[in-house]
Amino acid sequence: MIFLLKVLYSGSVTYLDEKNNVFVAPSSSCTYIETSENKIIVDTSSKDKKKIIISNLNKLDVKLKEIDYIISSHNHNNHNGNNGLFRNAKIVKYSDGSINDFKDPEVEIIWTPGHTFDSISVIHEDYVVAPAAVHLKKIFYKIMIFPLQSILKFQKNQSKE
């Protein structure tokens, strides 16, 4: 069994005001997975990371045309900006149902809504690649906990009627 998991680009955020969490130009990570059956990229990051990604694939002696699948964690440009580089690859997304066409017994794709409704993550061996499922704690509390409290409060009020 072949197994290789390599981060081609680790992702970045450029802050205008870090204290208030105001940022521009976020770029997702880009991860290469090689199984005994397929060569896979999880997220292709922002277009401005093209040279870094190509350079790191070259270091692995992997050609762009050899990539079988691009798994897009969700439909934001900073996660799929370089999908066009991989012309032979099948694009796998939750939003269009192509997740059902993905075939590799060594890789599992799971639905991980949160950042977006269509967010997905990838499991291979002991690794989880979750570019859209992990948030800064302060963002997590804003987008997940407070709406959850509102839902619970609404449900409680509904049960009284």
N, C-alpha and C. Protein backbone atom coordinates (compact mmCIF):
# COMPACT_ATOMS: atom_id res chain seq x y z
N MET A 1 0.84 -1.18 0.00
CA MET A 1 0.00 0.00 0.00
C MET A 1 0.88 1.24 0.00
N ILE A 2 0.62 2.11 -0.93
CA ILE A 2 1.32 3.39 -1.01
C ILE A 2 0.60 4.37 -0.10
N PHE A 3 1.35 5.15 0.62
CA PHE A 3 0.73 6.18 1.45
C PHE A 3 1.64 7.39 1.48
N LEU A 4 1.09 8.50 1.07
CA LEU A 4 1.82 9.75 1.15
C LEU A 4 0.81 10.86 1.39
N LEU A 5 1.05 11.65 2.40
CA LEU A 5 0.25 12.83 2.67
C LEU A 5 1.23 13.97 2.88
N LYS A 6 1.12 14.99 2.06
CA LYS A 6 2.07 16.10 2.11
C LYS A 6 1.32 17.42 1.96
N VAL A 7 1.56 18.33 2.87
CA VAL A 7 0.99 19.67 2.76
C VAL A 7 1.82 20.44 1.74
N LEU A 8 1.18 20.85 0.65
CA LEU A 8 1.86 21.60 -0.40
C LEU A 8 1.92 23.08 -0.07
N TYR A 9 0.90 23.55 0.63
CA TYR A 9 0.86 24.93 1.12
C TYR A 9 0.05 24.92 2.40
N SER A 10 0.56 25.54 3.44
CA SER A 10 -0.07 25.42 4.76
C SER A 10 -1.21 26.40 5.02
N GLY A 11 -1.47 27.30 4.09
CA GLY A 11 -2.54 28.27 4.29
C GLY A 11 -2.05 29.50 5.03
N SER A 12 -2.77 30.60 4.85
CA SER A 12 -2.36 31.85 5.50
C SER A 12 -3.52 32.83 5.54
N VAL A 13 -3.39 33.77 6.45
CA VAL A 13 -4.35 34.87 6.55
C VAL A 13 -3.55 36.16 6.73
N THR A 14 -3.88 37.16 5.94
CA THR A 14 -3.26 38.48 6.08
C THR A 14 -4.26 39.36 6.82
N TYR A 15 -3.86 39.83 7.98
CA TYR A 15 -4.76 40.64 8.82
C TYR A 15 -4.57 42.13 8.56
N LEU A 16 -5.69 42.85 8.51
CA LEU A 16 -5.65 44.32 8.54
C LEU A 16 -5.65 44.78 9.98
N ASP A 17 -6.41 44.05 10.81
CA ASP A 17 -6.53 44.39 12.22
C ASP A 17 -6.73 43.08 12.98
N GLU A 18 -5.64 42.50 13.46
CA GLU A 18 -5.71 41.19 14.10
C GLU A 18 -6.52 41.23 15.40
N LYS A 19 -6.41 42.32 16.13
CA LYS A 19 -7.13 42.44 17.40
C LYS A 19 -8.64 42.29 17.21
N ASN A 20 -9.15 42.86 16.14
CA ASN A 20 -10.59 42.80 15.86
C ASN A 20 -10.95 41.76 14.81
N ASN A 21 -9.97 40.92 14.49
CA ASN A 21 -10.17 39.83 13.54
C ASN A 21 -10.68 40.29 12.18
N VAL A 22 -10.12 41.41 11.69
CA VAL A 22 -10.44 41.91 10.36
C VAL A 22 -9.30 41.48 9.44
N PHE A 23 -9.65 40.66 8.44
CA PHE A 23 -8.59 40.14 7.59
C PHE A 23 -8.97 40.23 6.11
N VAL A 24 -7.95 40.16 5.29
CA VAL A 24 -8.11 40.09 3.84
C VAL A 24 -7.20 38.98 3.35
N ALA A 25 -7.43 38.55 2.17
CA ALA A 25 -6.56 37.59 1.48
C ALA A 25 -6.30 36.30 2.24
N PRO A 26 -7.34 35.63 2.72
CA PRO A 26 -7.09 34.31 3.30
C PRO A 26 -6.81 33.32 2.17
N SER A 27 -5.91 32.40 2.40
CA SER A 27 -5.59 31.34 1.44
C SER A 27 -5.62 30.01 2.17
N SER A 28 -6.35 29.06 1.64
CA SER A 28 -6.46 27.77 2.31
C SER A 28 -5.19 26.95 2.15
N SER A 29 -5.12 25.93 2.94
CA SER A 29 -4.06 24.95 2.76
C SER A 29 -4.32 24.17 1.47
N CYS A 30 -3.30 23.48 1.01
CA CYS A 30 -3.39 22.62 -0.17
C CYS A 30 -2.64 21.35 0.19
N THR A 31 -3.33 20.21 0.17
CA THR A 31 -2.76 18.96 0.64
C THR A 31 -2.77 17.91 -0.47
N TYR A 32 -1.66 17.21 -0.61
CA TYR A 32 -1.52 16.13 -1.58
C TYR A 32 -1.62 14.79 -0.85
N ILE A 33 -2.46 13.91 -1.37
CA ILE A 33 -2.58 12.55 -0.83
C ILE A 33 -2.35 11.57 -1.97
N GLU A 34 -1.48 10.62 -1.74
CA GLU A 34 -1.28 9.56 -2.73
C GLU A 34 -1.63 8.23 -2.08
N THR A 35 -2.56 7.52 -2.70
CA THR A 35 -2.96 6.20 -2.24
C THR A 35 -2.46 5.17 -3.26
N SER A 36 -2.76 3.93 -3.04
CA SER A 36 -2.35 2.90 -4.00
C SER A 36 -3.13 3.02 -5.31
N GLU A 37 -4.26 3.77 -5.30
CA GLU A 37 -5.09 3.90 -6.50
C GLU A 37 -5.11 5.29 -7.12
N ASN A 38 -4.92 6.34 -6.32
CA ASN A 38 -5.13 7.70 -6.81
C ASN A 38 -4.13 8.70 -6.27
N LYS A 39 -4.03 9.80 -7.03
CA LYS A 39 -3.30 10.98 -6.59
C LYS A 39 -4.36 12.07 -6.40
N ILE A 40 -4.41 12.63 -5.20
CA ILE A 40 -5.51 13.50 -4.80
C ILE A 40 -4.96 14.81 -4.24
N ILE A 41 -5.63 15.91 -4.58
CA ILE A 41 -5.36 17.20 -3.96
C ILE A 41 -6.61 17.61 -3.18
N VAL A 42 -6.43 18.00 -1.92
CA VAL A 42 -7.53 18.54 -1.12
C VAL A 42 -7.34 20.05 -1.06
N ASP A 43 -8.23 20.76 -1.71
CA ASP A 43 -8.19 22.21 -1.86
C ASP A 43 -6.95 22.65 -2.63
N THR A 44 -7.16 23.60 -3.52
CA THR A 44 -6.05 24.09 -4.36
C THR A 44 -5.63 25.51 -4.00
N SER A 45 -6.17 26.05 -2.92
CA SER A 45 -5.81 27.36 -2.39
C SER A 45 -6.15 28.49 -3.36
N SER A 46 -5.60 29.65 -3.08
CA SER A 46 -5.84 30.86 -3.89
C SER A 46 -4.96 30.86 -5.13
N LYS A 47 -5.40 31.57 -6.15
CA LYS A 47 -4.64 31.63 -7.41
C LYS A 47 -3.22 32.12 -7.21
N ASP A 48 -3.01 33.02 -6.25
CA ASP A 48 -1.66 33.56 -6.05
C ASP A 48 -0.70 32.54 -5.44
N LYS A 49 -1.18 31.37 -5.09
CA LYS A 49 -0.31 30.31 -4.53
C LYS A 49 0.07 29.27 -5.58
N LYS A 50 -0.27 29.53 -6.82
CA LYS A 50 -0.03 28.60 -7.93
C LYS A 50 1.43 28.14 -8.02
N LYS A 51 2.37 29.06 -7.99
CA LYS A 51 3.79 28.70 -8.14
C LYS A 51 4.28 27.83 -6.98
N ILE A 52 3.83 28.12 -5.78
CA ILE A 52 4.23 27.33 -4.60
C ILE A 52 3.73 25.90 -4.74
N ILE A 53 2.48 25.76 -5.15
CA ILE A 53 1.89 24.43 -5.28
C ILE A 53 2.59 23.63 -6.37
N ILE A 54 2.81 24.24 -7.53
CA ILE A 54 3.50 23.54 -8.62
C ILE A 54 4.91 23.16 -8.20
N SER A 55 5.61 24.06 -7.55
CA SER A 55 6.98 23.79 -7.10
C SER A 55 7.01 22.61 -6.12
N ASN A 56 6.08 22.57 -5.19
CA ASN A 56 6.07 21.48 -4.20
C ASN A 56 5.64 20.15 -4.82
N LEU A 57 4.78 20.18 -5.82
CA LEU A 57 4.47 18.94 -6.55
C LEU A 57 5.68 18.46 -7.33
N ASN A 58 6.42 19.40 -7.94
CA ASN A 58 7.64 19.02 -8.67
C ASN A 58 8.66 18.35 -7.75
N LYS A 59 8.76 18.83 -6.51
CA LYS A 59 9.67 18.22 -5.54
C LYS A 59 9.28 16.77 -5.23
N LEU A 60 7.99 16.47 -5.38
CA LEU A 60 7.50 15.10 -5.16
C LEU A 60 7.52 14.29 -6.44
N ASP A 61 7.98 14.92 -7.53
CA ASP A 61 8.00 14.30 -8.86
C ASP A 61 6.59 13.93 -9.33
N VAL A 62 5.63 14.81 -9.05
CA VAL A 62 4.24 14.61 -9.45
C VAL A 62 3.90 15.69 -10.47
N LYS A 63 3.36 15.26 -11.60
CA LYS A 63 2.97 16.18 -12.66
C LYS A 63 1.49 16.56 -12.50
N LEU A 64 1.14 17.76 -12.92
CA LEU A 64 -0.23 18.25 -12.80
C LEU A 64 -1.23 17.29 -13.45
N LYS A 65 -0.86 16.74 -14.60
CA LYS A 65 -1.77 15.86 -15.34
C LYS A 65 -1.97 14.50 -14.67
N GLU A 66 -1.16 14.19 -13.66
CA GLU A 66 -1.28 12.91 -12.96
C GLU A 66 -2.31 12.94 -11.82
N ILE A 67 -2.80 14.11 -11.46
CA ILE A 67 -3.76 14.21 -10.36
C ILE A 67 -5.11 13.66 -10.82
N ASP A 68 -5.63 12.69 -10.05
CA ASP A 68 -6.90 12.05 -10.39
C ASP A 68 -8.11 12.80 -9.85
N TYR A 69 -7.98 13.32 -8.63
CA TYR A 69 -9.11 14.00 -7.98
C TYR A 69 -8.67 15.29 -7.31
N ILE A 70 -9.54 16.29 -7.39
CA ILE A 70 -9.45 17.50 -6.57
C ILE A 70 -10.65 17.43 -5.64
N ILE A 71 -10.41 17.42 -4.35
CA ILE A 71 -11.51 17.46 -3.39
C ILE A 71 -11.58 18.88 -2.86
N SER A 72 -12.67 19.57 -3.18
CA SER A 72 -12.86 20.95 -2.73
C SER A 72 -13.66 20.93 -1.43
N SER A 73 -13.04 21.43 -0.37
CA SER A 73 -13.70 21.38 0.93
C SER A 73 -15.00 22.19 0.95
N HIS A 74 -15.06 23.24 0.13
CA HIS A 74 -16.27 24.02 -0.07
C HIS A 74 -16.03 25.00 -1.21
N ASN A 75 -17.04 25.75 -1.58
CA ASN A 75 -16.98 26.55 -2.80
C ASN A 75 -16.52 27.99 -2.62
N HIS A 76 -15.46 28.22 -1.90
CA HIS A 76 -14.89 29.56 -1.82
C HIS A 76 -13.62 29.62 -2.66
N ASN A 77 -13.41 30.76 -3.33
CA ASN A 77 -12.27 30.91 -4.24
C ASN A 77 -10.92 30.71 -3.57
N ASN A 78 -10.81 31.02 -2.28
CA ASN A 78 -9.53 30.85 -1.62
C ASN A 78 -9.26 29.37 -1.29
N HIS A 79 -10.19 28.50 -1.63
CA HIS A 79 -10.00 27.05 -1.46
C HIS A 79 -9.92 26.33 -2.81
N ASN A 80 -10.44 26.91 -3.87
CA ASN A 80 -10.43 26.23 -5.16
C ASN A 80 -9.90 27.11 -6.30
N GLY A 81 -9.09 28.07 -5.99
CA GLY A 81 -8.57 29.01 -6.97
C GLY A 81 -7.68 28.41 -8.04
N ASN A 82 -7.07 27.26 -7.75
CA ASN A 82 -6.17 26.63 -8.72
C ASN A 82 -6.72 25.32 -9.29
N ASN A 83 -8.02 25.10 -9.16
CA ASN A 83 -8.60 23.87 -9.69
C ASN A 83 -8.29 23.69 -11.18
N GLY A 84 -8.25 24.79 -11.93
CA GLY A 84 -8.00 24.73 -13.36
C GLY A 84 -6.62 24.21 -13.75
N LEU A 85 -5.69 24.19 -12.83
CA LEU A 85 -4.35 23.64 -13.12
C LEU A 85 -4.40 22.14 -13.41
N PHE A 86 -5.37 21.47 -12.84
CA PHE A 86 -5.42 20.02 -12.87
C PHE A 86 -6.51 19.57 -13.84
N ARG A 87 -6.20 19.69 -15.12
CA ARG A 87 -7.21 19.49 -16.17
C ARG A 87 -7.72 18.06 -16.28
N ASN A 88 -6.95 17.09 -15.86
CA ASN A 88 -7.37 15.69 -15.94
C ASN A 88 -8.11 15.22 -14.69
N ALA A 89 -8.12 16.04 -13.67
CA ALA A 89 -8.70 15.64 -12.38
C ALA A 89 -10.22 15.79 -12.36
N LYS A 90 -10.86 14.88 -11.67
CA LYS A 90 -12.29 15.00 -11.39
C LYS A 90 -12.43 15.85 -10.14
N ILE A 91 -13.31 16.85 -10.19
CA ILE A 91 -13.54 17.73 -9.05
C ILE A 91 -14.64 17.10 -8.18
N VAL A 92 -14.36 17.00 -6.89
CA VAL A 92 -15.29 16.40 -5.95
C VAL A 92 -15.75 17.48 -4.98
N LYS A 93 -17.09 17.68 -4.94
CA LYS A 93 -17.69 18.67 -4.04
C LYS A 93 -18.95 18.07 -3.44
N TYR A 94 -19.33 18.58 -2.30
CA TYR A 94 -20.60 18.18 -1.69
C TYR A 94 -21.77 18.81 -2.44
N SER A 95 -21.61 20.08 -2.81
CA SER A 95 -22.72 20.89 -3.32
C SER A 95 -23.32 20.37 -4.62
N ASP A 96 -22.54 19.71 -5.47
CA ASP A 96 -23.10 19.25 -6.75
C ASP A 96 -23.31 17.73 -6.80
N GLY A 97 -23.09 17.06 -5.67
CA GLY A 97 -23.30 15.62 -5.62
C GLY A 97 -22.15 14.78 -6.12
N SER A 98 -21.11 15.42 -6.62
CA SER A 98 -19.97 14.66 -7.16
C SER A 98 -19.23 13.88 -6.07
N ILE A 99 -19.51 14.19 -4.81
CA ILE A 99 -18.94 13.44 -3.70
C ILE A 99 -19.31 11.96 -3.82
N ASN A 100 -20.46 11.68 -4.42
CA ASN A 100 -20.92 10.31 -4.60
C ASN A 100 -20.16 9.56 -5.68
N ASP A 101 -19.45 10.28 -6.54
CA ASP A 101 -18.69 9.66 -7.62
C ASP A 101 -17.24 9.38 -7.24
N PHE A 102 -16.84 9.81 -6.05
CA PHE A 102 -15.46 9.61 -5.60
C PHE A 102 -15.22 8.14 -5.27
N LYS A 103 -14.15 7.58 -5.82
CA LYS A 103 -13.84 6.17 -5.61
C LYS A 103 -12.39 5.99 -5.16
N ASP A 104 -12.22 5.74 -3.90
CA ASP A 104 -10.91 5.34 -3.36
C ASP A 104 -11.17 4.70 -2.00
N PRO A 105 -10.93 3.40 -1.89
CA PRO A 105 -11.23 2.71 -0.64
C PRO A 105 -10.37 3.13 0.55
N GLU A 106 -9.28 3.85 0.29
CA GLU A 106 -8.38 4.27 1.35
C GLU A 106 -8.70 5.65 1.90
N VAL A 107 -9.66 6.33 1.27
CA VAL A 107 -9.98 7.71 1.64
C VAL A 107 -11.48 7.82 1.91
N GLU A 108 -11.80 8.48 3.00
CA GLU A 108 -13.20 8.72 3.35
C GLU A 108 -13.45 10.23 3.32
N ILE A 109 -14.56 10.61 2.72
CA ILE A 109 -14.98 12.02 2.72
C ILE A 109 -16.20 12.14 3.61
N ILE A 110 -16.14 13.09 4.54
CA ILE A 110 -17.27 13.29 5.44
C ILE A 110 -17.78 14.72 5.34
N TRP A 111 -19.06 14.88 5.53
CA TRP A 111 -19.71 16.18 5.51
C TRP A 111 -19.47 16.84 6.86
N THR A 112 -18.88 18.04 6.84
CA THR A 112 -18.57 18.76 8.08
C THR A 112 -19.07 20.21 7.98
N PRO A 113 -20.40 20.40 7.97
CA PRO A 113 -20.93 21.75 7.85
C PRO A 113 -20.53 22.60 9.04
N GLY A 114 -20.46 23.86 8.82
CA GLY A 114 -20.08 24.79 9.88
C GLY A 114 -19.63 26.09 9.25
N HIS A 115 -18.46 26.09 8.66
CA HIS A 115 -17.98 27.28 7.96
C HIS A 115 -18.94 27.59 6.81
N THR A 116 -19.29 26.57 6.05
CA THR A 116 -20.33 26.66 5.03
C THR A 116 -21.18 25.40 5.14
N PHE A 117 -22.36 25.44 4.58
CA PHE A 117 -23.25 24.28 4.63
C PHE A 117 -22.64 23.09 3.88
N ASP A 118 -21.88 23.37 2.82
CA ASP A 118 -21.36 22.30 1.97
C ASP A 118 -19.93 21.88 2.30
N SER A 119 -19.43 22.23 3.47
CA SER A 119 -18.05 21.89 3.84
C SER A 119 -17.88 20.38 4.01
N ILE A 120 -16.76 19.88 3.48
CA ILE A 120 -16.41 18.47 3.65
C ILE A 120 -14.97 18.36 4.13
N SER A 121 -14.66 17.23 4.75
CA SER A 121 -13.31 16.94 5.22
C SER A 121 -12.91 15.56 4.73
N VAL A 122 -11.62 15.28 4.79
CA VAL A 122 -11.08 14.04 4.23
C VAL A 122 -10.34 13.28 5.31
N ILE A 123 -10.58 11.97 5.36
CA ILE A 123 -9.87 11.10 6.30
C ILE A 123 -9.06 10.09 5.50
N HIS A 124 -7.78 9.99 5.84
CA HIS A 124 -6.89 9.01 5.22
C HIS A 124 -5.91 8.52 6.28
N GLU A 125 -5.94 7.20 6.50
CA GLU A 125 -5.11 6.60 7.55
C GLU A 125 -5.44 7.27 8.89
N ASP A 126 -4.44 7.79 9.57
CA ASP A 126 -4.63 8.44 10.87
C ASP A 126 -4.78 9.95 10.75
N TYR A 127 -4.99 10.46 9.54
CA TYR A 127 -5.01 11.90 9.31
C TYR A 127 -6.40 12.38 8.91
N VAL A 128 -6.73 13.57 9.36
CA VAL A 128 -7.95 14.25 8.94
C VAL A 128 -7.52 15.57 8.31
N VAL A 129 -7.94 15.79 7.08
CA VAL A 129 -7.70 17.05 6.40
C VAL A 129 -9.03 17.80 6.42
N ALA A 130 -9.08 18.85 7.22
CA ALA A 130 -10.33 19.58 7.47
C ALA A 130 -10.13 21.07 7.28
N PRO A 131 -9.89 21.52 6.04
CA PRO A 131 -9.57 22.93 5.82
C PRO A 131 -10.68 23.90 6.19
N ALA A 132 -11.93 23.46 6.19
CA ALA A 132 -13.02 24.38 6.46
C ALA A 132 -13.76 24.05 7.74
N ALA A 133 -13.25 23.10 8.51
CA ALA A 133 -13.97 22.67 9.70
C ALA A 133 -13.34 23.18 10.99
N VAL A 134 -12.15 23.71 10.91
CA VAL A 134 -11.46 24.17 12.11
C VAL A 134 -11.42 25.69 12.09
N HIS A 135 -11.89 26.30 13.15
CA HIS A 135 -11.97 27.75 13.22
C HIS A 135 -11.16 28.27 14.41
N LEU A 136 -10.83 29.53 14.35
CA LEU A 136 -10.29 30.18 15.53
C LEU A 136 -11.37 30.14 16.60
N LYS A 137 -10.98 29.95 17.83
CA LYS A 137 -11.95 29.82 18.93
C LYS A 137 -12.94 30.98 18.95
N LYS A 138 -12.45 32.21 18.80
CA LYS A 138 -13.35 33.35 18.90
C LYS A 138 -14.35 33.38 17.73
N ILE A 139 -13.95 32.90 16.56
CA ILE A 139 -14.88 32.82 15.44
C ILE A 139 -15.88 31.70 15.68
N PHE A 140 -15.39 30.57 16.18
CA PHE A 140 -16.27 29.43 16.46
C PHE A 140 -17.40 29.84 17.39
N TYR A 141 -17.06 30.56 18.44
CA TYR A 141 -18.10 30.97 19.38
C TYR A 141 -19.10 31.93 18.74
N LYS A 142 -18.64 32.78 17.83
CA LYS A 142 -19.55 33.71 17.16
C LYS A 142 -20.50 32.97 16.22
N ILE A 143 -19.98 32.06 15.41
CA ILE A 143 -20.82 31.47 14.37
C ILE A 143 -21.54 30.20 14.79
N MET A 144 -21.08 29.54 15.84
CA MET A 144 -21.70 28.28 16.22
C MET A 144 -22.45 28.35 17.55
N ILE A 145 -21.84 28.88 18.59
CA ILE A 145 -22.43 28.82 19.92
C ILE A 145 -23.62 29.77 20.06
N PHE A 146 -23.46 31.02 19.65
CA PHE A 146 -24.55 31.97 19.82
C PHE A 146 -25.79 31.59 19.01
N PRO A 147 -25.65 31.19 17.74
CA PRO A 147 -26.84 30.73 17.03
C PRO A 147 -27.45 29.49 17.70
N LEU A 148 -26.63 28.60 18.22
CA LEU A 148 -27.13 27.42 18.90
C LEU A 148 -27.94 27.81 20.13
N GLN A 149 -27.44 28.78 20.89
CA GLN A 149 -28.18 29.25 22.06
C GLN A 149 -29.52 29.84 21.65
N SER A 150 -29.55 30.56 20.54
CA SER A 150 -30.80 31.13 20.05
C SER A 150 -31.78 30.04 19.65
N ILE A 151 -31.29 29.00 19.01
CA ILE A 151 -32.15 27.88 18.62
C ILE A 151 -32.72 27.19 19.85
N LEU A 152 -31.86 26.93 20.83
CA LEU A 152 -32.31 26.27 22.05
C LEU A 152 -33.34 27.12 22.78
N LYS A 153 -33.12 28.44 22.83
CA LYS A 153 -34.06 29.35 23.48
C LYS A 153 -35.40 29.32 22.73
N PHE A 154 -35.35 29.33 21.41
CA PHE A 154 -36.55 29.28 20.59
C PHE A 154 -37.31 27.98 20.84
N GLN A 155 -36.58 26.86 20.87
CA GLN A 155 -37.22 25.56 21.11
C GLN A 155 -37.87 25.51 22.49
N LYS A 156 -37.19 26.08 23.47
CA LYS A 156 -37.73 26.11 24.84
C LYS A 156 -39.02 26.91 24.87
N ASN A 157 -39.03 28.07 24.21
CA ASN A 157 -40.23 28.91 24.16
C ASN A 157 -41.37 28.22 23.41
N GLN A 158 -41.04 27.48 22.37
CA GLN A 158 -42.05 26.77 21.60
C GLN A 158 -42.71 25.66 22.44
N SER A 159 -41.93 25.01 23.27
CA SER A 159 -42.47 23.91 24.07
C SER A 159 -43.42 24.41 25.15
N LYS A 160 -43.34 25.68 25.53
CA LYS A 160 -44.22 26.26 26.55
C LYS A 160 -45.62 26.52 25.98
N GLU A 161 -45.72 26.68 24.68
CA GLU A 161 -47.01 27.04 24.06
C GLU A 161 -47.94 25.85 23.96
